[in-house]
């Protein structure tokens, strides 16, 4: 979503077709500057889906994560020209970026990536119960990743606050669904359906721009409609609903 030239200005490069990127509860999120959530923004105890972070700062060089906290793929360090040698992942990413962006220096590359990101249609979907601590294997628990949050939901919400700070005056588009880390529940949520299918169907039928979903972004699917709150239930005994069969609206959906 951040590095690809596709989706700039909301369209594909070759044919100018609408392109929307939907990100679902990732283990790690790439920060586009050196700032990270302050310690108070990443408590070990889950704070729920209404959590927000207002304090960001640059970690202490030489103390936080041996100064690797901003390295790719948590950050953008090491992707500019000459930063890595052939045979390394960062070198390969640099070669990819050179096709569409200025990579001559770290500062120029970071600015160009941020400017391009600001034109993309990127949306985020998080599980309201995707709160298992990363130290037990639920997500990346390396030092640089732990600086962004202690569980997937917290990391996602911290990143939403970060994007508001990075792009003043803009509002990231995001929502939650009622459940844990489950592809089936995410795909069955009404926001995913609207973002992935209904919006573009409206564009095809009217020839114009699709309207936003009726409910506000960030609203939990379960709370938005009490009748639907329990419409999707995972097999008991599976905290991540991984490999479980999910019963959704009378249909069985296999998660991956």
Protein backbone atom coordinates (compact mmCIF):
# COMPACT_ATOMS: atom_id res chain seq x y z
CA UNK A 1 0.00 0.00 0.00
CA UNK A 2 2.79 2.44 0.89
CA UNK A 3 5.51 1.59 -1.62
CA UNK A 4 3.61 0.66 -4.77
CA UNK A 5 2.99 3.31 -7.43
CA UNK A 6 -0.39 1.68 -8.05
CA UNK A 7 -3.29 3.51 -6.46
CA UNK A 8 -1.76 6.97 -6.57
CA UNK A 9 -4.64 9.42 -6.97
CA UNK A 10 -6.95 6.46 -6.36
CA UNK A 11 -6.40 4.76 -9.73
CA UNK A 12 -4.26 2.16 -11.49
CA UNK A 13 -1.30 3.39 -13.52
CA UNK A 14 -2.02 1.76 -16.88
CA UNK A 15 -5.77 2.25 -17.37
CA UNK A 16 -6.79 4.72 -14.68
CA UNK A 17 -9.25 2.31 -13.08
CA UNK A 18 -10.42 2.97 -9.50
CA UNK A 19 -8.18 1.18 -6.99
CA UNK A 20 -9.00 0.83 -3.31
CA UNK A 21 -6.65 -0.84 -0.83
CA UNK A 22 -8.25 -2.57 2.18
CA UNK A 23 -5.85 -3.54 4.99
CA UNK A 24 -7.00 -6.02 7.63
CA UNK A 25 -5.46 -6.10 11.14
CA UNK A 26 -1.81 -6.44 10.06
CA UNK A 27 0.92 -7.62 12.40
CA UNK A 28 3.11 -4.69 11.42
CA UNK A 29 2.45 -1.27 9.90
CA UNK A 30 5.04 0.79 8.05
CA UNK A 31 5.58 4.23 9.56
CA UNK A 32 6.36 6.94 7.03
CA UNK A 33 8.40 9.13 9.38
CA UNK A 34 10.66 8.61 12.41
CA UNK A 35 7.96 9.23 15.02
CA UNK A 36 6.49 6.37 17.04
CA UNK A 37 3.77 6.17 19.70
CA UNK A 38 5.01 7.21 23.16
CA UNK A 39 5.30 4.55 25.86
CA UNK A 40 1.92 5.58 27.31
CA UNK A 41 0.33 4.71 23.94
CA UNK A 42 1.39 1.06 24.09
CA UNK A 43 0.27 -0.35 27.46
CA UNK A 44 0.42 -4.11 27.98
CA UNK A 45 -3.23 -4.23 29.01
CA UNK A 46 -5.81 -4.07 26.25
CA UNK A 47 -7.67 -0.73 26.09
CA UNK A 48 -10.42 -1.72 23.64
CA UNK A 49 -11.57 -0.42 20.28
CA UNK A 50 -12.04 3.17 21.45
CA UNK A 51 -8.32 3.53 22.19
CA UNK A 52 -6.47 6.48 20.66
CA UNK A 53 -2.96 7.84 20.94
CA UNK A 54 -2.15 11.54 20.97
CA UNK A 55 1.57 11.51 21.81
CA UNK A 56 4.28 10.61 19.33
CA UNK A 57 8.02 11.17 19.46
CA UNK A 58 11.28 10.01 17.91
CA UNK A 59 12.80 7.08 19.86
CA UNK A 60 16.21 7.55 21.46
CA UNK A 61 19.06 6.64 19.06
CA UNK A 62 21.32 3.97 20.51
CA UNK A 63 18.82 3.02 23.19
CA UNK A 64 15.61 1.94 21.49
CA UNK A 65 16.01 -1.33 19.58
CA UNK A 66 19.74 -0.70 18.98
CA UNK A 67 18.76 2.11 16.60
CA UNK A 68 16.97 -0.35 14.27
CA UNK A 69 13.50 0.94 15.13
CA UNK A 70 13.10 2.80 11.82
CA UNK A 71 14.55 0.16 9.51
CA UNK A 72 12.48 -1.31 6.69
CA UNK A 73 9.86 -2.82 7.01
CA UNK A 74 8.64 -1.02 10.14
CA UNK A 75 10.06 2.23 8.78
CA UNK A 76 11.74 3.53 5.64
CA UNK A 77 15.37 3.54 6.74
CA UNK A 78 17.74 1.74 4.40
CA UNK A 79 15.74 2.07 1.18
CA UNK A 80 17.53 5.02 -0.44
CA UNK A 81 20.29 4.66 -3.04
CA UNK A 82 23.51 3.17 -1.70
CA UNK A 83 22.03 2.16 1.67
CA UNK A 84 22.35 -1.57 1.03
CA UNK A 85 24.17 -3.91 -1.31
CA UNK A 86 22.96 -6.36 -3.93
CA UNK A 87 21.58 -9.55 -2.47
CA UNK A 88 19.79 -7.84 0.42
CA UNK A 89 16.03 -7.29 0.64
CA UNK A 90 16.44 -3.54 1.09
CA UNK A 91 18.46 -3.38 -2.14
CA UNK A 92 15.70 -5.20 -4.03
CA UNK A 93 13.07 -2.83 -2.61
CA UNK A 94 15.24 0.14 -3.59
CA UNK A 95 15.41 -1.15 -7.17
CA UNK A 96 11.62 -1.49 -7.21
CA UNK A 97 11.12 2.03 -5.86
CA UNK A 98 13.54 3.58 -8.37
CA UNK A 99 11.08 2.84 -11.16
CA UNK A 100 8.56 5.39 -9.90
CA UNK A 101 10.02 7.57 -7.14
CA UNK A 102 13.09 9.66 -6.20
CA UNK A 103 15.37 7.46 -4.09
CA UNK A 104 18.53 9.59 -4.07
CA UNK A 105 18.35 10.30 -0.33
CA UNK A 106 16.43 9.08 2.69
CA UNK A 107 14.66 12.39 3.26
CA UNK A 108 13.56 12.81 -0.38
CA UNK A 109 12.38 9.20 -0.59
CA UNK A 110 10.37 9.51 2.63
CA UNK A 111 8.71 12.72 1.49
CA UNK A 112 7.82 11.32 -1.93
CA UNK A 113 6.31 8.18 -0.40
CA UNK A 114 4.26 10.27 2.05
CA UNK A 115 3.05 12.58 -0.73
CA UNK A 116 1.97 9.60 -2.85
CA UNK A 117 0.31 7.85 0.10
CA UNK A 118 -1.83 10.93 0.74
CA UNK A 119 -3.48 10.50 -2.68
CA UNK A 120 -4.37 6.81 -2.22
CA UNK A 121 -7.69 5.31 -1.20
CA UNK A 122 -6.52 3.11 1.71
CA UNK A 123 -8.96 1.70 4.28
CA UNK A 124 -8.39 -0.31 7.43
CA UNK A 125 -10.46 -3.01 9.11
CA UNK A 126 -9.67 -4.24 12.65
CA UNK A 127 -11.14 -6.94 14.88
CA UNK A 128 -12.54 -5.40 18.06
CA UNK A 129 -11.27 -8.45 19.96
CA UNK A 130 -7.96 -8.82 18.11
CA UNK A 131 -6.16 -8.09 21.37
CA UNK A 132 -3.93 -11.10 22.11
CA UNK A 133 -0.51 -9.86 23.28
CA UNK A 134 2.16 -10.12 20.60
CA UNK A 135 4.56 -11.78 23.04
CA UNK A 136 2.49 -14.97 22.93
CA UNK A 137 2.86 -15.26 19.16
CA UNK A 138 -0.20 -13.35 17.98
CA UNK A 139 1.91 -10.87 15.98
CA UNK A 140 5.46 -9.64 15.40
CA UNK A 141 7.14 -9.22 18.79
CA UNK A 142 10.49 -7.84 17.65
CA UNK A 143 11.62 -4.70 19.45
CA UNK A 144 10.91 -2.30 16.58
CA UNK A 145 7.40 -3.73 16.14
CA UNK A 146 6.64 -3.56 19.87
CA UNK A 147 7.32 0.20 19.74
CA UNK A 148 4.10 0.54 17.73
CA UNK A 149 1.78 -1.38 20.09
CA UNK A 150 1.37 -4.58 22.10
CA UNK A 151 -1.43 -6.23 20.09
CA UNK A 152 -2.90 -5.95 16.60
CA UNK A 153 -5.86 -3.76 17.53
CA UNK A 154 -3.71 -1.37 19.55
CA UNK A 155 -1.18 -1.13 16.71
CA UNK A 156 -3.93 -0.41 14.21
CA UNK A 157 -5.56 2.30 16.32
CA UNK A 158 -2.19 3.88 17.10
CA UNK A 159 -1.53 4.00 13.37
CA UNK A 160 -4.86 5.72 12.74
CA UNK A 161 -3.86 8.42 15.23
CA UNK A 162 -0.45 8.61 13.58
CA UNK A 163 -1.94 9.17 10.12
CA UNK A 164 -4.06 12.02 11.49
CA UNK A 165 -0.89 13.57 12.87
CA UNK A 166 1.11 12.94 9.69
CA UNK A 167 -1.59 14.40 7.42
CA UNK A 168 -3.25 17.26 9.37
CA UNK A 169 -6.86 17.84 8.41
CA UNK A 170 -7.35 14.36 6.98
CA UNK A 171 -9.27 11.47 8.50
CA UNK A 172 -8.11 7.89 7.86
CA UNK A 173 -10.94 5.60 6.84
CA UNK A 174 -11.27 2.62 9.17
CA UNK A 175 -13.73 0.42 10.98
CA UNK A 176 -13.93 -2.56 13.32
CA UNK A 177 -15.86 -5.81 13.16
CA UNK A 178 -17.10 -7.80 16.13
CA UNK A 179 -14.47 -10.53 16.56
CA UNK A 180 -10.82 -11.51 16.85
CA UNK A 181 -8.17 -12.12 14.19
CA UNK A 182 -10.34 -13.80 11.57
CA UNK A 183 -10.38 -13.36 7.82
CA UNK A 184 -13.87 -14.85 7.68
CA UNK A 185 -15.31 -12.32 10.11
CA UNK A 186 -13.55 -9.47 8.35
CA UNK A 187 -14.89 -10.49 4.94
CA UNK A 188 -18.39 -10.96 6.37
CA UNK A 189 -18.48 -7.47 7.92
CA UNK A 190 -20.76 -4.95 6.26
CA UNK A 191 -17.97 -2.39 5.93
CA UNK A 192 -15.83 -4.79 3.89
CA UNK A 193 -18.83 -5.58 1.69
CA UNK A 194 -19.52 -1.89 1.13
CA UNK A 195 -15.89 -0.96 0.50
CA UNK A 196 -15.06 -3.89 -1.78
CA UNK A 197 -18.32 -4.31 -3.71
CA UNK A 198 -21.20 -1.92 -3.13
CA UNK A 199 -19.29 1.34 -3.63
CA UNK A 200 -17.94 0.24 -7.00
CA UNK A 201 -21.28 -1.21 -8.05
CA UNK A 202 -22.79 2.23 -7.46
CA UNK A 203 -20.09 3.80 -9.62
CA UNK A 204 -20.80 1.38 -12.47
CA UNK A 205 -24.56 1.90 -12.28
CA UNK A 206 -24.55 5.68 -11.98
CA UNK A 207 -21.32 6.58 -13.72
CA UNK A 208 -20.48 8.83 -10.80
CA UNK A 209 -18.78 8.63 -7.44
CA UNK A 210 -20.00 6.18 -4.81
CA UNK A 211 -21.23 7.43 -1.48
CA UNK A 212 -19.55 6.48 1.77
CA UNK A 213 -21.16 3.75 3.93
CA UNK A 214 -24.04 5.14 5.97
CA UNK A 215 -22.47 4.41 9.36
CA UNK A 216 -19.47 6.42 10.56
CA UNK A 217 -15.99 4.98 10.09
CA UNK A 218 -14.61 3.39 13.20
CA UNK A 219 -18.03 2.08 14.23
CA UNK A 220 -18.08 -1.56 15.28
CA UNK A 221 -20.30 -3.71 13.09
CA UNK A 222 -21.69 -5.54 16.11
CA UNK A 223 -22.74 -2.37 17.93
CA UNK A 224 -24.07 -0.68 14.81
CA UNK A 225 -26.86 -3.22 14.47
CA UNK A 226 -27.88 -5.14 17.59
CA UNK A 227 -29.74 -7.72 15.51
CA UNK A 228 -26.50 -8.58 13.77
CA UNK A 229 -24.24 -8.47 16.80
CA UNK A 230 -23.98 -12.22 17.11
CA UNK A 231 -24.41 -13.07 13.44
CA UNK A 232 -20.90 -14.50 13.21
CA UNK A 233 -19.54 -16.89 15.83
CA UNK A 234 -16.22 -18.71 15.77
CA UNK A 235 -15.63 -22.24 16.92
CA UNK A 236 -14.96 -22.30 20.67
CA UNK A 237 -11.42 -22.93 21.88
CA UNK A 238 -9.71 -21.07 19.03
CA UNK A 239 -8.58 -17.61 20.21
CA UNK A 240 -7.63 -16.47 16.72
CA UNK A 241 -10.43 -18.26 14.84
CA UNK A 242 -7.64 -19.54 12.60
CA UNK A 243 -8.77 -22.48 10.53
CA UNK A 244 -12.17 -22.38 12.22
CA UNK A 245 -15.44 -22.57 10.41
CA UNK A 246 -17.37 -19.36 10.89
CA UNK A 247 -21.15 -19.34 10.71
CA UNK A 248 -22.25 -16.15 9.02
CA UNK A 249 -25.81 -15.39 8.05
CA UNK A 250 -26.57 -19.07 7.52
CA UNK A 251 -23.49 -19.76 5.43
CA UNK A 252 -20.26 -21.49 6.41
CA UNK A 253 -17.18 -19.43 5.60
CA UNK A 254 -13.71 -20.99 5.91
CA UNK A 255 -11.02 -18.72 7.33
CA UNK A 256 -7.43 -18.87 6.13
